[in-house]
């Protein structure tokens, strides 16, 4: 099972919205994954135990694992592209 970090600035508000959108997308496509919300500041220390980062905020650095920027889940702009990127990640692995 793939493990996904879903990060935002405070680890509460926008990551909660993104987590629900990702959970719904994965359930709709019969994909199982372990989702964890976190602060963007925690990502660097957690990344070794995860397969993908989904972030609703600007990333302060590069990471070892793939990153999908998901601000569109908050703004409503480009949601289809975000969904496609997430599904593509599962198809590749």
PDB file of N, CA and C in Angstrom:
ATOM      1  N   UNK A   1       0.837  -1.179   0.000  1.00  0.00           N
ATOM      2  CA  UNK A   1       0.000   0.000   0.000  1.00  0.00           C
ATOM      3  C   UNK A   1       0.884   1.245   0.000  1.00  0.00           C
ATOM      4  N   UNK A   2       0.574   2.190  -0.878  1.00  0.00           N
ATOM      5  CA  UNK A   2       1.325   3.437  -0.964  1.00  0.00           C
ATOM      6  C   UNK A   2       0.965   4.336   0.218  1.00  0.00           C
ATOM      7  N   UNK A   3       1.962   5.116   0.623  1.00  0.00           N
ATOM      8  CA  UNK A   3       1.778   6.039   1.739  1.00  0.00           C
ATOM      9  C   UNK A   3       1.944   7.467   1.224  1.00  0.00           C
ATOM     10  N   UNK A   4       0.963   8.312   1.556  1.00  0.00           N
ATOM     11  CA  UNK A   4       0.939   9.677   1.038  1.00  0.00           C
ATOM     12  C   UNK A   4       0.901  10.682   2.181  1.00  0.00           C
ATOM     13  N   UNK A   5       1.783  11.676   2.101  1.00  0.00           N
ATOM     14  CA  UNK A   5       1.759  12.825   3.012  1.00  0.00           C
ATOM     15  C   UNK A   5       0.950  13.923   2.348  1.00  0.00           C
ATOM     16  N   UNK A   6       0.024  14.507   3.083  1.00  0.00           N
ATOM     17  CA  UNK A   6      -0.741  15.635   2.569  1.00  0.00           C
ATOM     18  C   UNK A   6      -0.452  16.811   3.493  1.00  0.00           C
ATOM     19  N   UNK A   7       0.243  17.797   2.954  1.00  0.00           N
ATOM     20  CA  UNK A   7       0.792  18.874   3.780  1.00  0.00           C
ATOM     21  C   UNK A   7       0.207  20.238   3.459  1.00  0.00           C
ATOM     22  N   UNK A   8       0.122  21.054   4.511  1.00  0.00           N
ATOM     23  CA  UNK A   8      -0.216  22.470   4.365  1.00  0.00           C
ATOM     24  C   UNK A   8       0.557  23.243   5.421  1.00  0.00           C
ATOM     25  N   UNK A   9       0.407  24.526   5.419  1.00  0.00           N
ATOM     26  CA  UNK A   9       1.176  25.369   6.331  1.00  0.00           C
ATOM     27  C   UNK A   9       0.966  25.050   7.797  1.00  0.00           C
ATOM     28  N   UNK A  10      -0.280  24.835   8.209  1.00  0.00           N
ATOM     29  CA  UNK A  10      -0.587  24.570   9.611  1.00  0.00           C
ATOM     30  C   UNK A  10      -0.921  23.108   9.884  1.00  0.00           C
ATOM     31  N   UNK A  11      -1.047  22.305   8.844  1.00  0.00           N
ATOM     32  CA  UNK A  11      -1.366  20.893   9.024  1.00  0.00           C
ATOM     33  C   UNK A  11      -2.808  20.628   9.411  1.00  0.00           C
ATOM     34  N   UNK A  12      -3.678  21.641   9.240  1.00  0.00           N
ATOM     35  CA  UNK A  12      -5.070  21.474   9.665  1.00  0.00           C
ATOM     36  C   UNK A  12      -6.056  21.792   8.536  1.00  0.00           C
ATOM     37  N   UNK A  13      -6.184  23.045   8.193  1.00  0.00           N
ATOM     38  CA  UNK A  13      -7.290  23.497   7.336  1.00  0.00           C
ATOM     39  C   UNK A  13      -7.222  22.979   5.905  1.00  0.00           C
ATOM     40  N   UNK A  14      -6.281  23.476   5.126  1.00  0.00           N
ATOM     41  CA  UNK A  14      -6.283  23.096   3.709  1.00  0.00           C
ATOM     42  C   UNK A  14      -5.873  21.645   3.495  1.00  0.00           C
ATOM     43  N   UNK A  15      -5.063  21.103   4.390  1.00  0.00           N
ATOM     44  CA  UNK A  15      -4.715  19.688   4.232  1.00  0.00           C
ATOM     45  C   UNK A  15      -5.921  18.795   4.526  1.00  0.00           C
ATOM     46  N   UNK A  16      -6.831  19.256   5.367  1.00  0.00           N
ATOM     47  CA  UNK A  16      -8.053  18.491   5.623  1.00  0.00           C
ATOM     48  C   UNK A  16      -8.906  18.434   4.364  1.00  0.00           C
ATOM     49  N   UNK A  17      -9.055  19.568   3.687  1.00  0.00           N
ATOM     50  CA  UNK A  17      -9.805  19.608   2.434  1.00  0.00           C
ATOM     51  C   UNK A  17      -9.140  18.691   1.408  1.00  0.00           C
ATOM     52  N   UNK A  18      -7.829  18.815   1.262  1.00  0.00           N
ATOM     53  CA  UNK A  18      -7.103  17.993   0.289  1.00  0.00           C
ATOM     54  C   UNK A  18      -7.193  16.507   0.635  1.00  0.00           C
ATOM     55  N   UNK A  19      -7.083  16.178   1.901  1.00  0.00           N
ATOM     56  CA  UNK A  19      -7.170  14.775   2.318  1.00  0.00           C
ATOM     57  C   UNK A  19      -8.517  14.177   1.930  1.00  0.00           C
ATOM     58  N   UNK A  20      -9.578  14.910   2.150  1.00  0.00           N
ATOM     59  CA  UNK A  20     -10.910  14.408   1.795  1.00  0.00           C
ATOM     60  C   UNK A  20     -11.051  14.252   0.283  1.00  0.00           C
ATOM     61  N   UNK A  21     -10.505  15.189  -0.475  1.00  0.00           N
ATOM     62  CA  UNK A  21     -10.565  15.087  -1.945  1.00  0.00           C
ATOM     63  C   UNK A  21      -9.767  13.881  -2.437  1.00  0.00           C
ATOM     64  N   UNK A  22      -8.583  13.669  -1.868  1.00  0.00           N
ATOM     65  CA  UNK A  22      -7.750  12.531  -2.254  1.00  0.00           C
ATOM     66  C   UNK A  22      -8.427  11.230  -1.848  1.00  0.00           C
ATOM     67  N   UNK A  23      -8.951  11.177  -0.635  1.00  0.00           N
ATOM     68  CA  UNK A  23      -9.630   9.965  -0.160  1.00  0.00           C
ATOM     69  C   UNK A  23     -10.792   9.607  -1.091  1.00  0.00           C
ATOM     70  N   UNK A  24     -11.594  10.589  -1.458  1.00  0.00           N
ATOM     71  CA  UNK A  24     -12.725  10.365  -2.358  1.00  0.00           C
ATOM     72  C   UNK A  24     -12.251   9.883  -3.727  1.00  0.00           C
ATOM     73  N   UNK A  25     -11.230  10.523  -4.260  1.00  0.00           N
ATOM     74  CA  UNK A  25     -10.673  10.125  -5.564  1.00  0.00           C
ATOM     75  C   UNK A  25     -10.186   8.682  -5.539  1.00  0.00           C
ATOM     76  N   UNK A  26      -9.437   8.329  -4.504  1.00  0.00           N
ATOM     77  CA  UNK A  26      -8.893   6.971  -4.423  1.00  0.00           C
ATOM     78  C   UNK A  26      -9.999   5.938  -4.244  1.00  0.00           C
ATOM     79  N   UNK A  27     -10.976   6.237  -3.390  1.00  0.00           N
ATOM     80  CA  UNK A  27     -12.091   5.304  -3.185  1.00  0.00           C
ATOM     81  C   UNK A  27     -12.859   5.091  -4.487  1.00  0.00           C
ATOM     82  N   UNK A  28     -13.101   6.178  -5.211  1.00  0.00           N
ATOM     83  CA  UNK A  28     -13.823   6.110  -6.480  1.00  0.00           C
ATOM     84  C   UNK A  28     -13.091   5.230  -7.494  1.00  0.00           C
ATOM     85  N   UNK A  29     -11.776   5.177  -7.385  1.00  0.00           N
ATOM     86  CA  UNK A  29     -10.963   4.396  -8.324  1.00  0.00           C
ATOM     87  C   UNK A  29     -10.445   3.090  -7.721  1.00  0.00           C
ATOM     88  N   UNK A  30     -11.017   2.695  -6.586  1.00  0.00           N
ATOM     89  CA  UNK A  30     -10.654   1.443  -5.912  1.00  0.00           C
ATOM     90  C   UNK A  30      -9.158   1.324  -5.639  1.00  0.00           C
ATOM     91  N   UNK A  31      -8.579   2.421  -5.159  1.00  0.00           N
ATOM     92  CA  UNK A  31      -7.156   2.452  -4.819  1.00  0.00           C
ATOM     93  C   UNK A  31      -7.029   2.606  -3.318  1.00  0.00           C
ATOM     94  N   UNK A  32      -6.232   1.758  -2.722  1.00  0.00           N
ATOM     95  CA  UNK A  32      -5.991   1.850  -1.283  1.00  0.00           C
ATOM     96  C   UNK A  32      -4.663   2.558  -1.043  1.00  0.00           C
ATOM     97  N   UNK A  33      -4.672   3.469  -0.070  1.00  0.00           N
ATOM     98  CA  UNK A  33      -3.449   4.185   0.293  1.00  0.00           C
ATOM     99  C   UNK A  33      -3.573   4.646   1.739  1.00  0.00           C
ATOM    100  N   UNK A  34      -2.433   4.821   2.371  1.00  0.00           N
ATOM    101  CA  UNK A  34      -2.368   5.348   3.731  1.00  0.00           C
ATOM    102  C   UNK A  34      -2.124   6.852   3.615  1.00  0.00           C
ATOM    103  N   UNK A  35      -3.058   7.655   4.110  1.00  0.00           N
ATOM    104  CA  UNK A  35      -2.954   9.112   4.019  1.00  0.00           C
ATOM    105  C   UNK A  35      -2.615   9.690   5.386  1.00  0.00           C
ATOM    106  N   UNK A  36      -1.700  10.656   5.402  1.00  0.00           N
ATOM    107  CA  UNK A  36      -1.350  11.341   6.646  1.00  0.00           C
ATOM    108  C   UNK A  36      -1.251  12.839   6.401  1.00  0.00           C
ATOM    109  N   UNK A  37      -1.969  13.607   7.186  1.00  0.00           N
ATOM    110  CA  UNK A  37      -1.877  15.061   7.138  1.00  0.00           C
ATOM    111  C   UNK A  37      -0.695  15.505   7.985  1.00  0.00           C
ATOM    112  N   UNK A  38      -0.037  16.579   7.540  1.00  0.00           N
ATOM    113  CA  UNK A  38       1.082  17.105   8.313  1.00  0.00           C
ATOM    114  C   UNK A  38       1.354  18.557   7.962  1.00  0.00           C
ATOM    115  N   UNK A  39       2.231  19.160   8.746  1.00  0.00           N
ATOM    116  CA  UNK A  39       2.743  20.497   8.470  1.00  0.00           C
ATOM    117  C   UNK A  39       3.772  20.397   7.353  1.00  0.00           C
ATOM    118  N   UNK A  40       3.865  21.414   6.528  1.00  0.00           N
ATOM    119  CA  UNK A  40       4.893  21.396   5.488  1.00  0.00           C
ATOM    120  C   UNK A  40       6.282  21.290   6.118  1.00  0.00           C
ATOM    121  N   UNK A  41       6.448  21.847   7.298  1.00  0.00           N
ATOM    122  CA  UNK A  41       7.740  21.797   7.994  1.00  0.00           C
ATOM    123  C   UNK A  41       8.118  20.385   8.433  1.00  0.00           C
ATOM    124  N   UNK A  42       7.158  19.477   8.504  1.00  0.00           N
ATOM    125  CA  UNK A  42       7.428  18.097   8.916  1.00  0.00           C
ATOM    126  C   UNK A  42       7.813  17.181   7.755  1.00  0.00           C
ATOM    127  N   UNK A  43       7.541  17.607   6.537  1.00  0.00           N
ATOM    128  CA  UNK A  43       7.711  16.738   5.374  1.00  0.00           C
ATOM    129  C   UNK A  43       9.134  16.217   5.237  1.00  0.00           C
ATOM    130  N   UNK A  44      10.114  17.069   5.397  1.00  0.00           N
ATOM    131  CA  UNK A  44      11.509  16.640   5.225  1.00  0.00           C
ATOM    132  C   UNK A  44      11.856  15.482   6.149  1.00  0.00           C
ATOM    133  N   UNK A  45      11.381  15.519   7.380  1.00  0.00           N
ATOM    134  CA  UNK A  45      11.718  14.456   8.325  1.00  0.00           C
ATOM    135  C   UNK A  45      10.863  13.203   8.132  1.00  0.00           C
ATOM    136  N   UNK A  46       9.744  13.317   7.453  1.00  0.00           N
ATOM    137  CA  UNK A  46       8.843  12.172   7.252  1.00  0.00           C
ATOM    138  C   UNK A  46       9.004  11.495   5.891  1.00  0.00           C
ATOM    139  N   UNK A  47       9.600  12.190   4.933  1.00  0.00           N
ATOM    140  CA  UNK A  47       9.582  11.720   3.550  1.00  0.00           C
ATOM    141  C   UNK A  47      10.177  10.331   3.320  1.00  0.00           C
ATOM    142  N   UNK A  48      11.121   9.904   4.139  1.00  0.00           N
ATOM    143  CA  UNK A  48      11.734   8.590   3.930  1.00  0.00           C
ATOM    144  C   UNK A  48      10.753   7.437   4.126  1.00  0.00           C
ATOM    145  N   UNK A  49       9.651   7.696   4.816  1.00  0.00           N
ATOM    146  CA  UNK A  49       8.661   6.652   5.086  1.00  0.00           C
ATOM    147  C   UNK A  49       7.418   6.765   4.213  1.00  0.00           C
ATOM    148  N   UNK A  50       7.470   7.641   3.203  1.00  0.00           N
ATOM    149  CA  UNK A  50       6.311   7.875   2.352  1.00  0.00           C
ATOM    150  C   UNK A  50       6.696   7.792   0.882  1.00  0.00           C
ATOM    151  N   UNK A  51       5.663   7.664   0.033  1.00  0.00           N
ATOM    152  CA  UNK A  51       5.873   7.496  -1.403  1.00  0.00           C
ATOM    153  C   UNK A  51       5.548   8.741  -2.215  1.00  0.00           C
ATOM    154  N   UNK A  52       4.730   9.623  -1.663  1.00  0.00           N
ATOM    155  CA  UNK A  52       4.252  10.787  -2.404  1.00  0.00           C
ATOM    156  C   UNK A  52       3.909  11.902  -1.430  1.00  0.00           C
ATOM    157  N   UNK A  53       4.146  13.147  -1.856  1.00  0.00           N
ATOM    158  CA  UNK A  53       3.746  14.327  -1.104  1.00  0.00           C
ATOM    159  C   UNK A  53       2.706  15.068  -1.932  1.00  0.00           C
ATOM    160  N   UNK A  54       1.606  15.431  -1.291  1.00  0.00           N
ATOM    161  CA  UNK A  54       0.617  16.300  -1.910  1.00  0.00           C
ATOM    162  C   UNK A  54       0.570  17.537  -1.031  1.00  0.00           C
ATOM    163  N   UNK A  55       0.816  18.694  -1.636  1.00  0.00           N
ATOM    164  CA  UNK A  55       0.930  19.923  -0.848  1.00  0.00           C
ATOM    165  C   UNK A  55      -0.027  21.001  -1.333  1.00  0.00           C
ATOM    166  N   UNK A  56      -0.654  21.683  -0.371  1.00  0.00           N
ATOM    167  CA  UNK A  56      -1.536  22.798  -0.706  1.00  0.00           C
ATOM    168  C   UNK A  56      -0.833  24.136  -0.499  1.00  0.00           C
ATOM    169  N   UNK A  57       0.456  24.102  -0.230  1.00  0.00           N
ATOM    170  CA  UNK A  57       1.225  25.325   0.003  1.00  0.00           C
ATOM    171  C   UNK A  57       2.539  25.268  -0.762  1.00  0.00           C
ATOM    172  N   UNK A  58       3.230  26.379  -0.800  1.00  0.00           N
ATOM    173  CA  UNK A  58       4.540  26.434  -1.456  1.00  0.00           C
ATOM    174  C   UNK A  58       5.518  25.530  -0.711  1.00  0.00           C
ATOM    175  N   UNK A  59       6.341  24.850  -1.449  1.00  0.00           N
ATOM    176  CA  UNK A  59       7.311  23.937  -0.850  1.00  0.00           C
ATOM    177  C   UNK A  59       8.630  24.667  -0.629  1.00  0.00           C
ATOM    178  N   UNK A  60       9.177  24.581   0.584  1.00  0.00           N
ATOM    179  CA  UNK A  60      10.393  25.329   0.896  1.00  0.00           C
ATOM    180  C   UNK A  60      11.675  24.719   0.335  1.00  0.00           C
ATOM    181  N   UNK A  61      11.596  23.497  -0.190  1.00  0.00           N
ATOM    182  CA  UNK A  61      12.792  22.809  -0.665  1.00  0.00           C
ATOM    183  C   UNK A  61      12.410  21.695  -1.610  1.00  0.00           C
ATOM    184  N   UNK A  62      13.401  21.016  -2.155  1.00  0.00           N
ATOM    185  CA  UNK A  62      13.179  19.828  -2.967  1.00  0.00           C
ATOM    186  C   UNK A  62      13.097  18.617  -2.027  1.00  0.00           C
ATOM    187  N   UNK A  63      12.375  17.596  -2.454  1.00  0.00           N
ATOM    188  CA  UNK A  63      12.250  16.390  -1.646  1.00  0.00           C
ATOM    189  C   UNK A  63      12.695  15.176  -2.448  1.00  0.00           C
ATOM    190  N   UNK A  64      12.957  14.080  -1.752  1.00  0.00           N
ATOM    191  CA  UNK A  64      13.445  12.845  -2.377  1.00  0.00           C
ATOM    192  C   UNK A  64      12.338  12.093  -3.111  1.00  0.00           C
ATOM    193  N   UNK A  65      11.109  12.351  -2.743  1.00  0.00           N
ATOM    194  CA  UNK A  65       9.976  11.629  -3.323  1.00  0.00           C
ATOM    195  C   UNK A  65       9.140  12.585  -4.178  1.00  0.00           C
ATOM    196  N   UNK A  66       8.300  12.047  -5.056  1.00  0.00           N
ATOM    197  CA  UNK A  66       7.493  12.913  -5.920  1.00  0.00           C
ATOM    198  C   UNK A  66       6.567  13.837  -5.129  1.00  0.00           C
ATOM    199  N   UNK A  67       6.311  15.005  -5.717  1.00  0.00           N
ATOM    200  CA  UNK A  67       5.442  16.005  -5.112  1.00  0.00           C
ATOM    201  C   UNK A  67       4.365  16.403  -6.116  1.00  0.00           C
ATOM    202  N   UNK A  68       3.141  16.484  -5.638  1.00  0.00           N
ATOM    203  CA  UNK A  68       2.039  17.018  -6.439  1.00  0.00           C
ATOM    204  C   UNK A  68       1.530  18.254  -5.720  1.00  0.00           C
ATOM    205  N   UNK A  69       1.531  19.374  -6.431  1.00  0.00           N
ATOM    206  CA  UNK A  69       1.017  20.620  -5.859  1.00  0.00           C
ATOM    207  C   UNK A  69      -0.497  20.628  -6.030  1.00  0.00           C
ATOM    208  N   UNK A  70      -1.209  20.812  -4.932  1.00  0.00           N
ATOM    209  CA  UNK A  70      -2.660  20.659  -4.936  1.00  0.00           C
ATOM    210  C   UNK A  70      -3.413  21.884  -4.451  1.00  0.00           C
ATOM    211  N   UNK A  71      -2.860  23.076  -4.683  1.00  0.00           N
ATOM    212  CA  UNK A  71      -3.559  24.291  -4.293  1.00  0.00           C
ATOM    213  C   UNK A  71      -4.910  24.384  -5.005  1.00  0.00           C
ATOM    214  N   UNK A  72      -4.992  23.787  -6.173  1.00  0.00           N
ATOM    215  CA  UNK A  72      -6.245  23.776  -6.923  1.00  0.00           C
ATOM    216  C   UNK A  72      -7.389  23.114  -6.184  1.00  0.00           C
ATOM    217  N   UNK A  73      -7.094  22.216  -5.267  1.00  0.00           N
ATOM    218  CA  UNK A  73      -8.152  21.624  -4.450  1.00  0.00           C
ATOM    219  C   UNK A  73      -8.804  22.679  -3.566  1.00  0.00           C
ATOM    220  N   UNK A  74      -8.081  23.734  -3.270  1.00  0.00           N
ATOM    221  CA  UNK A  74      -8.617  24.807  -2.444  1.00  0.00           C
ATOM    222  C   UNK A  74      -9.290  25.869  -3.315  1.00  0.00           C
ATOM    223  N   UNK A  75      -8.631  26.242  -4.417  1.00  0.00           N
ATOM    224  CA  UNK A  75      -9.148  27.297  -5.290  1.00  0.00           C
ATOM    225  C   UNK A  75     -10.227  26.803  -6.252  1.00  0.00           C
ATOM    226  N   UNK A  76     -10.239  25.487  -6.508  1.00  0.00           N
ATOM    227  CA  UNK A  76     -11.177  24.936  -7.473  1.00  0.00           C
ATOM    228  C   UNK A  76     -10.669  24.991  -8.907  1.00  0.00           C
ATOM    229  N   UNK A  77      -9.460  25.508  -9.089  1.00  0.00           N
ATOM    230  CA  UNK A  77      -8.883  25.641 -10.432  1.00  0.00           C
ATOM    231  C   UNK A  77      -7.896  24.500 -10.691  1.00  0.00           C
ATOM    232  N   UNK A  78      -8.108  23.765 -11.761  1.00  0.00           N
ATOM    233  CA  UNK A  78      -7.187  22.701 -12.128  1.00  0.00           C
ATOM    234  C   UNK A  78      -7.356  21.399 -11.362  1.00  0.00           C
ATOM    235  N   UNK A  79      -8.523  21.192 -10.781  1.00  0.00           N
ATOM    236  CA  UNK A  79      -8.765  19.979  -9.992  1.00  0.00           C
ATOM    237  C   UNK A  79      -8.567  18.720 -10.835  1.00  0.00           C
ATOM    238  N   UNK A  80      -9.013  18.762 -12.076  1.00  0.00           N
ATOM    239  CA  UNK A  80      -8.887  17.586 -12.952  1.00  0.00           C
ATOM    240  C   UNK A  80      -7.422  17.221 -13.172  1.00  0.00           C
ATOM    241  N   UNK A  81      -6.561  18.229 -13.303  1.00  0.00           N
ATOM    242  CA  UNK A  81      -5.123  17.972 -13.492  1.00  0.00           C
ATOM    243  C   UNK A  81      -4.516  17.344 -12.244  1.00  0.00           C
ATOM    244  N   UNK A  82      -4.925  17.816 -11.092  1.00  0.00           N
ATOM    245  CA  UNK A  82      -4.415  17.246  -9.832  1.00  0.00           C
ATOM    246  C   UNK A  82      -4.858  15.794  -9.719  1.00  0.00           C
ATOM    247  N   UNK A  83      -6.135  15.552  -9.953  1.00  0.00           N
ATOM    248  CA  UNK A  83      -6.661  14.179  -9.900  1.00  0.00           C
ATOM    249  C   UNK A  83      -5.894  13.275 -10.863  1.00  0.00           C
ATOM    250  N   UNK A  84      -5.665  13.764 -12.084  1.00  0.00           N
ATOM    251  CA  UNK A  84      -4.956  12.966 -13.086  1.00  0.00           C
ATOM    252  C   UNK A  84      -3.526  12.672 -12.641  1.00  0.00           C
ATOM    253  N   UNK A  85      -2.862  13.645 -12.029  1.00  0.00           N
ATOM    254  CA  UNK A  85      -1.491  13.434 -11.560  1.00  0.00           C
ATOM    255  C   UNK A  85      -1.451  12.378 -10.458  1.00  0.00           C
ATOM    256  N   UNK A  86      -2.420  12.421  -9.570  1.00  0.00           N
ATOM    257  CA  UNK A  86      -2.468  11.425  -8.485  1.00  0.00           C
ATOM    258  C   UNK A  86      -2.727  10.039  -9.062  1.00  0.00           C
ATOM    259  N   UNK A  87      -3.680   9.911  -9.930  1.00  0.00           N
ATOM    260  CA  UNK A  87      -3.975   8.613 -10.529  1.00  0.00           C
ATOM    261  C   UNK A  87      -2.805   8.101 -11.354  1.00  0.00           C
ATOM    262  N   UNK A  88      -2.121   9.002 -12.035  1.00  0.00           N
ATOM    263  CA  UNK A  88      -0.935   8.623 -12.814  1.00  0.00           C
ATOM    264  C   UNK A  88       0.153   8.072 -11.906  1.00  0.00           C
ATOM    265  N   UNK A  89       0.320   8.653 -10.740  1.00  0.00           N
ATOM    266  CA  UNK A  89       1.313   8.164  -9.786  1.00  0.00           C
ATOM    267  C   UNK A  89       1.046   6.702  -9.448  1.00  0.00           C
ATOM    268  N   UNK A  90      -0.202   6.345  -9.243  1.00  0.00           N
ATOM    269  CA  UNK A  90      -0.532   4.958  -8.901  1.00  0.00           C
ATOM    270  C   UNK A  90      -0.380   4.031 -10.098  1.00  0.00           C
ATOM    271  N   UNK A  91      -0.592   4.522 -11.286  1.00  0.00           N
ATOM    272  CA  UNK A  91      -0.418   3.704 -12.488  1.00  0.00           C
ATOM    273  C   UNK A  91       1.048   3.396 -12.745  1.00  0.00           C
ATOM    274  N   UNK A  92       1.933   4.341 -12.424  1.00  0.00           N
ATOM    275  CA  UNK A  92       3.364   4.170 -12.671  1.00  0.00           C
ATOM    276  C   UNK A  92       4.026   3.189 -11.716  1.00  0.00           C
ATOM    277  N   UNK A  93       3.538   3.092 -10.515  1.00  0.00           N
ATOM    278  CA  UNK A  93       4.223   2.311  -9.484  1.00  0.00           C
ATOM    279  C   UNK A  93       3.802   0.874  -9.464  1.00  0.00           C
TER     280      UNK A  93
END
